[in-house]
Amino acid sequence: MSKTNMLRLPGVLYESGHRRSTLNSLMAEGLWPKPVKLAPRCVGWPADEVAAVNAARIAGKSEDEIRRLVVNLEAARASAR
């Protein structure tokens, strides 16, 4: 099993360049993956998912393409359990 680095909120905000409110809006629109629950009051995002979404944005992918990417990332996460 491979090791996955997890980013907490400050790291995600830094890596994405977004503010918290923007990140919440993107998640609601399906344009950013939802966090993983790490503990009762602790969440994080897999660093590879953050990198994949950032790479898609840099590549100029459309919102529909990014939504499909997010769905695929979250599905892969669920199947890895």
Protein backbone atom coordinates (compact mmCIF):
# COMPACT_ATOMS: atom_id res chain seq x y z
CA MET A 1 0.00 0.00 0.00
CA SER A 2 1.41 3.39 -0.97
CA LYS A 3 1.78 6.25 1.45
CA THR A 4 -0.50 9.22 0.80
CA ASN A 5 0.39 12.61 2.19
CA MET A 6 -2.54 14.49 3.66
CA LEU A 7 -2.85 18.25 3.58
CA ARG A 8 -4.73 20.08 6.29
CA LEU A 9 -6.74 23.20 5.45
CA PRO A 10 -3.84 25.71 5.65
CA GLY A 11 -1.81 23.56 3.25
CA VAL A 12 -4.72 23.22 0.82
CA LEU A 13 -5.33 26.96 0.89
CA TYR A 14 -1.64 27.57 0.23
CA GLU A 15 -1.40 24.99 -2.57
CA SER A 16 -4.62 26.10 -4.28
CA GLY A 17 -4.28 29.84 -3.77
CA HIS A 18 -7.94 29.99 -2.72
CA ARG A 19 -9.55 31.35 0.41
CA ARG A 20 -11.63 29.12 2.65
CA SER A 21 -14.95 30.51 1.36
CA THR A 22 -13.90 29.91 -2.25
CA LEU A 23 -12.81 26.37 -1.42
CA ASN A 24 -16.20 25.70 0.21
CA SER A 25 -17.98 27.05 -2.88
CA LEU A 26 -15.85 24.90 -5.18
CA MET A 27 -16.65 21.79 -3.12
CA ALA A 28 -20.37 22.61 -3.24
CA GLU A 29 -20.16 22.95 -7.04
CA GLY A 30 -18.24 19.67 -7.39
CA LEU A 31 -15.10 21.47 -8.57
CA TRP A 32 -12.93 20.46 -5.60
CA PRO A 33 -12.77 17.11 -3.76
CA LYS A 34 -14.38 16.86 -0.35
CA PRO A 35 -12.05 16.29 2.61
CA VAL A 36 -11.33 12.99 4.31
CA LYS A 37 -12.28 12.70 7.97
CA LEU A 38 -9.08 11.95 9.91
CA ALA A 39 -10.41 12.26 13.45
CA PRO A 40 -13.60 13.56 15.09
CA ARG A 41 -12.59 17.20 14.55
CA CYS A 42 -9.90 16.81 11.91
CA VAL A 43 -10.08 16.62 8.11
CA GLY A 44 -7.51 16.60 5.35
CA TRP A 45 -7.18 16.25 1.59
CA PRO A 46 -4.93 13.73 -0.17
CA ALA A 47 -2.04 15.75 -1.60
CA ASP A 48 -2.23 13.89 -4.92
CA GLU A 49 -5.88 14.95 -5.35
CA VAL A 50 -5.01 18.59 -4.67
CA ALA A 51 -2.17 18.36 -7.20
CA ALA A 52 -4.43 16.72 -9.81
CA VAL A 53 -7.10 19.43 -9.57
CA ASN A 54 -4.48 22.18 -9.64
CA ALA A 55 -2.87 20.58 -12.71
CA ALA A 56 -6.27 20.42 -14.44
CA ARG A 57 -6.87 24.11 -13.76
CA ILE A 58 -3.39 25.02 -15.02
CA ALA A 59 -4.03 22.95 -18.17
CA GLY A 60 -7.16 25.01 -18.82
CA LYS A 61 -9.65 22.17 -18.38
CA SER A 62 -13.32 23.15 -18.45
CA GLU A 63 -15.49 23.06 -15.34
CA ASP A 64 -17.22 19.93 -16.67
CA GLU A 65 -13.86 18.21 -17.11
CA ILE A 66 -12.80 19.20 -13.60
CA ARG A 67 -16.12 17.92 -12.18
CA ARG A 68 -15.50 14.56 -13.87
CA LEU A 69 -11.96 14.54 -12.47
CA VAL A 70 -13.25 15.22 -8.95
CA VAL A 71 -15.85 12.44 -9.27
CA ASN A 72 -13.14 10.03 -10.44
CA LEU A 73 -10.75 11.04 -7.64
CA GLU A 74 -13.43 10.58 -4.97
CA ALA A 75 -14.49 7.23 -6.51
CA ALA A 76 -10.89 6.01 -6.50
CA ARG A 77 -10.59 7.10 -2.87
CA ALA A 78 -13.73 5.17 -1.95
CA SER A 79 -12.60 2.01 -3.75
CA ALA A 80 -9.23 2.10 -1.96
CA ARG A 81 -10.85 1.64 1.44
